[in-house]
């Protein structure tokens, strides 16, 4: 089927979505809550979801391969998570503005499964988690520069929305001297200068930055398994070399597990590569589809957060009982080691089918798999 035929079919089957798009666009830019939800000529407006499927306002049924960009791997309206949310709201309410019994339970559960997370703080999104992690790294080291990987995404805040998907490859500079390019207008140049870019799986590119800015670099932040440029696995020894460089130059190593945690592995994916983290960021799956994320790490660093230290971490909705209850249900009843093995088997079966389709159609393509991702 040609593209024009597909587009014509889409326009016919989604007339109510088009009407809603035209109406809502007058009040909300692009009629979406996040730019990633938009596509042309207009996005579908979802009516409901259940399990692995969603239905739009026109009644069309879809197999949801997106799963809210990894946040809904537990499935839409998962009965275990829905029950936990309902019970928590009945017992605690939605927001207390104070600590409650559930928050300690979730902290202990995460710490037991990720040993480097000796202490933890909760946030509302993965972007918040990475923002606070680099703030803490700066507070601990007294340095300002951060190293990230070109093409990697760590949230939409100014310090890390750099060299993600620039408009043209020319603006990135040479391979040996990559240029930090802000992905959004409104990003101050003085902020951009504090973010240095290297290449994933190229330890020499990281070492060049350390040799040049070693006493200015507070941290290296990276996904152990890259997920914003397809799925890219770390080459043998690469993560250990990052650890070595950070130790030598006195910088912190932050593993961003917002997408990969409890997805690419039964807990944190970096643990499978025999390396230690200073700080870890988590999100998506740990909330079971609710806005819950976290950053945590070694006790000596986490104790620098207010009120024990002077690295500020605030948030009205942080660790609210609704989201924490959903997180407990997700980790204790959904994302268990046994469940991960089953999800991994399902994913491998799906990839086998995709590989067969690639061979039959004789197109140039490849598949990469890590746990439940790929």
Protein backbone atom coordinates (compact mmCIF):
# COMPACT_ATOMS: atom_id res chain seq x y z
CA UNK A 1 0.00 0.00 0.00
CA UNK A 2 1.39 3.41 -0.99
CA UNK A 3 1.71 6.29 1.45
CA UNK A 4 -1.10 8.30 -0.16
CA UNK A 5 -3.43 5.32 0.17
CA UNK A 6 -2.47 4.89 3.84
CA UNK A 7 -3.03 8.60 4.48
CA UNK A 8 -6.44 8.56 2.78
CA UNK A 9 -7.48 5.57 4.89
CA UNK A 10 -6.28 7.32 8.04
CA UNK A 11 -8.29 10.47 7.25
CA UNK A 12 -11.45 8.44 6.68
CA UNK A 13 -11.13 6.32 9.83
CA UNK A 14 -10.19 9.16 12.22
CA UNK A 15 -12.68 11.93 11.46
CA UNK A 16 -13.57 12.49 15.14
CA UNK A 17 -9.89 12.81 16.04
CA UNK A 18 -9.56 15.43 13.30
CA UNK A 19 -12.52 17.37 14.69
CA UNK A 20 -11.09 17.27 18.21
CA UNK A 21 -7.67 18.30 16.93
CA UNK A 22 -9.10 21.35 15.18
CA UNK A 23 -11.09 22.35 18.28
CA UNK A 24 -8.38 21.75 20.89
CA UNK A 25 -5.67 23.40 18.78
CA UNK A 26 -7.29 26.74 19.55
CA UNK A 27 -6.44 26.28 23.24
CA UNK A 28 -3.42 23.95 23.37
CA UNK A 29 -0.39 24.29 21.05
CA UNK A 30 -0.52 21.33 18.69
CA UNK A 31 -3.46 19.96 20.73
CA UNK A 32 -1.05 17.73 22.66
CA UNK A 33 0.33 17.57 26.18
CA UNK A 34 3.87 16.88 24.96
CA UNK A 35 5.48 17.56 21.59
CA UNK A 36 6.35 13.88 21.22
CA UNK A 37 2.61 13.06 21.00
CA UNK A 38 2.17 15.10 17.82
CA UNK A 39 2.38 13.80 14.26
CA UNK A 40 0.97 15.02 10.95
CA UNK A 41 -1.65 15.51 9.73
CA UNK A 42 -2.98 15.21 13.29
CA UNK A 43 -2.65 12.73 16.18
CA UNK A 44 -5.33 10.27 17.15
CA UNK A 45 -7.29 11.15 20.28
CA UNK A 46 -7.33 8.11 22.55
CA UNK A 47 -10.52 7.16 24.37
CA UNK A 48 -9.33 4.31 26.56
CA UNK A 49 -6.71 1.63 27.01
CA UNK A 50 -6.68 -1.89 28.38
CA UNK A 51 -3.86 -4.39 28.43
CA UNK A 52 -1.81 -4.04 25.26
CA UNK A 53 -4.45 -2.11 23.31
CA UNK A 54 -5.90 1.37 23.02
CA UNK A 55 -9.06 2.64 21.34
CA UNK A 56 -9.49 6.08 19.80
CA UNK A 57 -12.55 8.35 19.83
CA UNK A 58 -13.59 6.91 16.45
CA UNK A 59 -13.68 3.41 17.92
CA UNK A 60 -10.56 2.17 16.11
CA UNK A 61 -8.61 -0.49 18.00
CA UNK A 62 -4.80 -0.43 18.06
CA UNK A 63 -2.12 -2.77 19.35
CA UNK A 64 -0.05 -0.37 21.44
CA UNK A 65 3.60 -0.96 20.58
CA UNK A 66 4.50 2.45 22.02
CA UNK A 67 3.10 1.84 25.52
CA UNK A 68 3.47 5.53 26.41
CA UNK A 69 7.15 5.49 25.45
CA UNK A 70 7.96 2.76 27.95
CA UNK A 71 5.93 3.97 30.91
CA UNK A 72 3.06 1.52 30.38
CA UNK A 73 4.92 -1.77 30.02
CA UNK A 74 2.76 -3.09 32.86
CA UNK A 75 -0.22 -2.67 30.53
CA UNK A 76 -3.09 -0.22 30.45
CA UNK A 77 -5.36 -0.46 33.49
CA UNK A 78 -3.34 -3.30 34.96
CA UNK A 79 -5.69 -4.77 37.61
CA UNK A 80 -2.98 -5.07 40.29
CA UNK A 81 -1.94 -1.44 39.86
CA UNK A 82 -5.50 -0.11 39.60
CA UNK A 83 -6.40 -1.90 42.84
CA UNK A 84 -3.36 -0.45 44.61
CA UNK A 85 -4.23 3.07 43.46
CA UNK A 86 -7.86 2.79 44.55
CA UNK A 87 -6.91 1.42 47.96
CA UNK A 88 -4.28 4.12 48.49
CA UNK A 89 -6.68 6.93 47.60
CA UNK A 90 -9.29 5.50 49.96
CA UNK A 91 -6.82 5.17 52.83
CA UNK A 92 -4.48 8.13 52.34
CA UNK A 93 -6.02 10.47 49.78
CA UNK A 94 -4.14 11.72 46.73
CA UNK A 95 -1.73 14.18 48.32
CA UNK A 96 -0.75 14.71 51.95
CA UNK A 97 2.16 17.14 51.82
CA UNK A 98 3.94 14.90 54.34
CA UNK A 99 5.78 11.56 54.35
CA UNK A 100 3.62 8.46 54.66
CA UNK A 101 4.24 4.73 55.33
CA UNK A 102 4.28 3.67 51.67
CA UNK A 103 7.23 5.85 50.67
CA UNK A 104 9.66 3.98 52.92
CA UNK A 105 8.46 0.64 51.57
CA UNK A 106 9.15 1.68 47.99
CA UNK A 107 12.56 3.11 48.85
CA UNK A 108 13.56 -0.16 50.54
CA UNK A 109 12.32 -2.23 47.60
CA UNK A 110 14.33 -0.25 45.06
CA UNK A 111 17.44 -0.26 47.25
CA UNK A 112 17.21 -4.03 47.68
CA UNK A 113 17.20 -4.51 43.91
CA UNK A 114 19.79 -1.85 43.04
CA UNK A 115 22.52 -2.03 45.73
CA UNK A 116 24.22 1.22 44.65
CA UNK A 117 21.01 3.07 45.51
CA UNK A 118 21.70 3.30 49.22
CA UNK A 119 19.44 6.35 49.53
CA UNK A 120 16.79 7.71 47.20
CA UNK A 121 14.55 10.71 46.55
CA UNK A 122 11.39 10.63 44.44
CA UNK A 123 10.36 13.05 41.70
CA UNK A 124 7.53 13.26 39.18
CA UNK A 125 9.36 12.62 35.90
CA UNK A 126 12.58 11.23 34.52
CA UNK A 127 13.59 14.70 33.39
CA UNK A 128 13.32 15.95 36.96
CA UNK A 129 15.37 12.98 38.15
CA UNK A 130 18.28 13.72 35.80
CA UNK A 131 18.08 17.44 36.57
CA UNK A 132 18.42 16.82 40.30
CA UNK A 133 21.12 14.18 39.77
CA UNK A 134 23.39 16.61 37.94
CA UNK A 135 22.65 19.32 40.50
CA UNK A 136 23.74 16.92 43.23
CA UNK A 137 26.88 15.96 41.28
CA UNK A 138 27.79 19.64 41.01
CA UNK A 139 27.16 20.16 44.71
CA UNK A 140 29.32 17.19 45.67
CA UNK A 141 32.26 18.02 43.39
CA UNK A 142 32.12 21.81 43.33
CA UNK A 143 32.41 21.61 39.54
CA UNK A 144 30.00 22.70 36.80
CA UNK A 145 30.57 20.82 33.53
CA UNK A 146 28.63 17.68 32.59
CA UNK A 147 29.54 15.11 29.92
CA UNK A 148 26.71 13.48 27.94
CA UNK A 149 26.64 11.36 24.81
CA UNK A 150 25.76 12.81 21.43
CA UNK A 151 22.28 11.68 20.38
CA UNK A 152 21.25 10.74 23.92
CA UNK A 153 18.11 12.07 25.59
CA UNK A 154 17.92 12.69 29.34
CA UNK A 155 14.90 14.98 29.65
CA UNK A 156 13.81 18.39 28.39
CA UNK A 157 15.66 20.68 30.81
CA UNK A 158 18.29 23.09 29.52
CA UNK A 159 21.38 21.31 30.85
CA UNK A 160 20.79 18.01 29.05
CA UNK A 161 18.56 18.82 26.05
CA UNK A 162 21.79 19.22 24.12
CA UNK A 163 22.92 17.51 20.88
CA UNK A 164 19.93 15.17 20.94
CA UNK A 165 18.42 15.55 17.46
CA UNK A 166 19.84 18.72 15.88
CA UNK A 167 18.23 20.11 12.73
CA UNK A 168 21.30 19.43 10.58
CA UNK A 169 24.31 17.22 11.17
CA UNK A 170 26.63 20.05 10.10
CA UNK A 171 26.01 22.02 13.29
CA UNK A 172 27.47 19.19 15.39
CA UNK A 173 31.03 19.95 14.35
CA UNK A 174 33.64 17.31 13.61
CA UNK A 175 33.72 13.84 15.13
CA UNK A 176 36.89 14.63 17.05
CA UNK A 177 35.57 18.01 18.24
CA UNK A 178 31.80 17.60 18.70
CA UNK A 179 29.92 20.82 19.31
CA UNK A 180 27.24 21.07 22.01
CA UNK A 181 24.05 22.16 20.25
CA UNK A 182 20.88 23.14 22.16
CA UNK A 183 17.78 21.37 20.88
CA UNK A 184 15.43 24.21 21.78
CA UNK A 185 15.27 27.93 21.34
CA UNK A 186 15.39 29.67 24.70
CA UNK A 187 18.41 27.72 25.95
CA UNK A 188 21.05 30.19 27.19
CA UNK A 189 24.45 29.84 25.54
CA UNK A 190 26.11 30.10 28.96
CA UNK A 191 24.19 26.97 29.98
CA UNK A 192 25.06 25.12 26.79
CA UNK A 193 28.77 25.72 27.39
CA UNK A 194 28.56 23.67 30.58
CA UNK A 195 27.46 20.53 28.71
CA UNK A 196 30.16 18.61 26.83
CA UNK A 197 29.33 15.91 24.29
CA UNK A 198 31.17 12.66 23.65
CA UNK A 199 30.36 9.54 21.61
CA UNK A 200 28.81 6.42 23.09
CA UNK A 201 31.12 3.38 22.85
CA UNK A 202 34.09 5.65 22.06
CA UNK A 203 36.06 5.90 25.29
CA UNK A 204 38.73 8.00 23.57
CA UNK A 205 36.19 10.77 22.98
CA UNK A 206 35.40 10.83 26.70
CA UNK A 207 39.06 10.76 27.67
CA UNK A 208 39.80 13.72 25.39
CA UNK A 209 37.26 15.78 27.30
CA UNK A 210 38.69 14.74 30.66
CA UNK A 211 42.22 15.60 29.57
CA UNK A 212 41.03 19.05 28.51
CA UNK A 213 38.49 19.84 31.25
CA UNK A 214 39.26 17.24 33.93
CA UNK A 215 39.12 19.51 36.97
CA UNK A 216 35.91 21.15 35.71
CA UNK A 217 33.81 18.03 35.03
CA UNK A 218 31.30 17.16 37.75
CA UNK A 219 29.83 14.03 36.16
CA UNK A 220 29.35 11.81 33.16
CA UNK A 221 25.72 10.89 32.54
CA UNK A 222 24.76 8.11 30.16
CA UNK A 223 22.24 5.38 29.58
CA UNK A 224 24.08 2.06 29.98
CA UNK A 225 22.09 0.88 26.96
CA UNK A 226 21.29 3.73 24.59
CA UNK A 227 17.60 3.99 23.67
CA UNK A 228 17.28 7.29 21.81
CA UNK A 229 19.19 6.15 18.72
CA UNK A 230 17.63 2.76 18.34
CA UNK A 231 18.90 0.33 20.95
CA UNK A 232 22.71 0.45 21.20
CA UNK A 233 24.46 -1.96 23.54
CA UNK A 234 27.70 -0.98 25.27
CA UNK A 235 30.81 -2.58 23.84
CA UNK A 236 32.74 -4.89 26.13
CA UNK A 237 34.60 -2.93 28.78
CA UNK A 238 33.22 0.48 27.77
CA UNK A 239 31.21 1.13 30.95
CA UNK A 240 34.12 -0.03 33.11
CA UNK A 241 36.38 2.43 31.31
CA UNK A 242 33.89 5.22 32.05
CA UNK A 243 34.08 4.19 35.69
CA UNK A 244 37.89 4.28 35.58
CA UNK A 245 38.01 7.77 34.05
CA UNK A 246 35.48 9.17 36.53
CA UNK A 247 37.44 7.73 39.45
CA UNK A 248 40.74 9.06 38.14
CA UNK A 249 39.46 12.60 37.56
CA UNK A 250 37.16 12.75 40.59
CA UNK A 251 33.89 12.98 38.65
CA UNK A 252 30.65 11.14 39.41
CA UNK A 253 29.23 8.48 37.10
CA UNK A 254 25.47 8.78 36.64
CA UNK A 255 23.59 5.96 34.95
CA UNK A 256 20.26 7.10 33.53
CA UNK A 257 17.95 4.09 33.90
CA UNK A 258 14.68 5.97 33.33
CA UNK A 259 13.92 3.93 30.21
CA UNK A 260 16.08 0.87 30.80
CA UNK A 261 15.44 0.19 34.48
CA UNK A 262 13.11 -2.78 35.10
CA UNK A 263 12.77 -3.05 31.33
CA UNK A 264 16.08 -3.88 29.68
CA UNK A 265 16.93 -5.87 32.82
CA UNK A 266 15.15 -7.18 35.95
CA UNK A 267 16.33 -4.07 37.84
CA UNK A 268 19.05 -1.68 36.63
CA UNK A 269 20.63 -2.65 33.32
CA UNK A 270 24.13 -1.43 34.23
CA UNK A 271 24.42 -4.12 36.91
CA UNK A 272 24.71 -6.76 34.19
CA UNK A 273 27.98 -5.20 33.02
CA UNK A 274 29.84 -5.49 36.32
CA UNK A 275 30.19 -1.77 37.00
CA UNK A 276 29.23 0.50 39.91
CA UNK A 277 27.28 3.75 39.77
CA UNK A 278 27.58 6.86 41.91
CA UNK A 279 24.06 8.03 41.10
CA UNK A 280 21.17 6.35 39.28
CA UNK A 281 18.03 7.88 37.80
CA UNK A 282 14.81 5.89 37.48
CA UNK A 283 11.35 6.49 36.02
CA UNK A 284 8.64 5.12 33.76
CA UNK A 285 8.24 1.51 34.93
CA UNK A 286 8.80 2.25 38.62
CA UNK A 287 5.53 4.19 38.64
CA UNK A 288 3.41 1.60 36.87
CA UNK A 289 2.12 4.27 34.50
CA UNK A 290 1.81 7.09 37.03
CA UNK A 291 4.08 10.18 37.20
CA UNK A 292 6.77 8.75 39.46
CA UNK A 293 10.54 8.87 39.04
CA UNK A 294 13.57 8.93 41.32
CA UNK A 295 17.26 9.59 41.70
CA UNK A 296 19.43 7.79 44.19
CA UNK A 297 22.90 6.56 44.88
CA UNK A 298 25.68 6.30 47.39
CA UNK A 299 24.86 7.50 50.89
CA UNK A 300 27.78 9.94 51.08
CA UNK A 301 26.42 11.79 48.05
CA UNK A 302 22.70 11.62 48.82
CA UNK A 303 23.32 13.04 52.30
CA UNK A 304 24.28 16.31 50.60
CA UNK A 305 20.58 16.89 49.80
CA UNK A 306 18.55 19.25 51.96
CA UNK A 307 17.85 19.18 54.86
CA UNK A 308 21.02 17.16 55.56
CA UNK A 309 23.09 19.14 53.06
CA UNK A 310 22.70 22.16 50.81
CA UNK A 311 21.72 20.62 47.46
CA UNK A 312 18.06 21.57 47.16
CA UNK A 313 15.35 19.11 46.12
CA UNK A 314 11.73 20.30 46.19
CA UNK A 315 8.42 19.20 44.68
CA UNK A 316 4.84 19.56 45.88
CA UNK A 317 3.73 16.26 44.38
CA UNK A 318 6.88 14.25 45.11
CA UNK A 319 6.24 10.79 46.57
CA UNK A 320 2.48 11.25 46.80
CA UNK A 321 0.64 8.14 48.04
CA UNK A 322 -1.23 7.54 44.78
CA UNK A 323 1.94 7.21 42.68
CA UNK A 324 3.97 5.43 45.35
CA UNK A 325 1.23 2.82 45.78
CA UNK A 326 1.24 2.26 42.02
CA UNK A 327 5.03 1.92 42.13
CA UNK A 328 4.91 -0.67 44.89
CA UNK A 329 2.36 -2.72 42.98
CA UNK A 330 4.41 -2.43 39.79
CA UNK A 331 7.65 -3.67 41.38
CA UNK A 332 6.18 -6.27 43.73
CA UNK A 333 3.51 -7.75 41.46
CA UNK A 334 4.42 -6.93 37.86
CA UNK A 335 8.15 -6.32 37.37
CA UNK A 336 9.43 -9.35 39.23
CA UNK A 337 12.40 -11.40 37.98
CA UNK A 338 10.06 -14.18 36.80
CA UNK A 339 7.85 -11.72 34.95
CA UNK A 340 10.89 -10.16 33.30
CA UNK A 341 11.92 -13.56 31.95
CA UNK A 342 8.45 -14.01 30.42
CA UNK A 343 8.46 -10.51 28.90
CA UNK A 344 11.93 -11.14 27.50
CA UNK A 345 10.71 -14.38 25.89
CA UNK A 346 7.73 -12.57 24.33
CA UNK A 347 10.03 -9.86 23.02
CA UNK A 348 12.42 -12.39 21.50
CA UNK A 349 9.50 -14.07 19.75
CA UNK A 350 8.37 -10.71 18.34
CA UNK A 351 11.87 -9.96 17.10
CA UNK A 352 12.08 -13.37 15.42
CA UNK A 353 8.95 -12.48 13.48
CA UNK A 354 10.37 -9.09 12.53
CA UNK A 355 13.60 -10.71 11.34
CA UNK A 356 11.61 -13.13 9.18
CA UNK A 357 9.69 -10.20 7.67
CA UNK A 358 12.98 -8.39 6.97
CA UNK A 359 14.35 -11.42 5.15
CA UNK A 360 11.17 -11.99 3.15
CA UNK A 361 10.90 -8.36 2.06
CA UNK A 362 14.65 -8.18 1.31
CA UNK A 363 15.07 -4.78 2.92
CA UNK A 364 18.25 -3.58 4.61
CA UNK A 365 17.48 -3.56 8.33
CA UNK A 366 18.65 -5.01 11.61
CA UNK A 367 17.24 -5.67 15.06
CA UNK A 368 18.87 -5.21 18.46
CA UNK A 369 17.40 -6.66 21.65
CA UNK A 370 18.09 -6.07 25.34
CA UNK A 371 15.69 -7.63 27.79
CA UNK A 372 12.21 -6.31 27.09
CA UNK A 373 13.54 -3.61 24.75
CA UNK A 374 14.45 -3.69 21.09
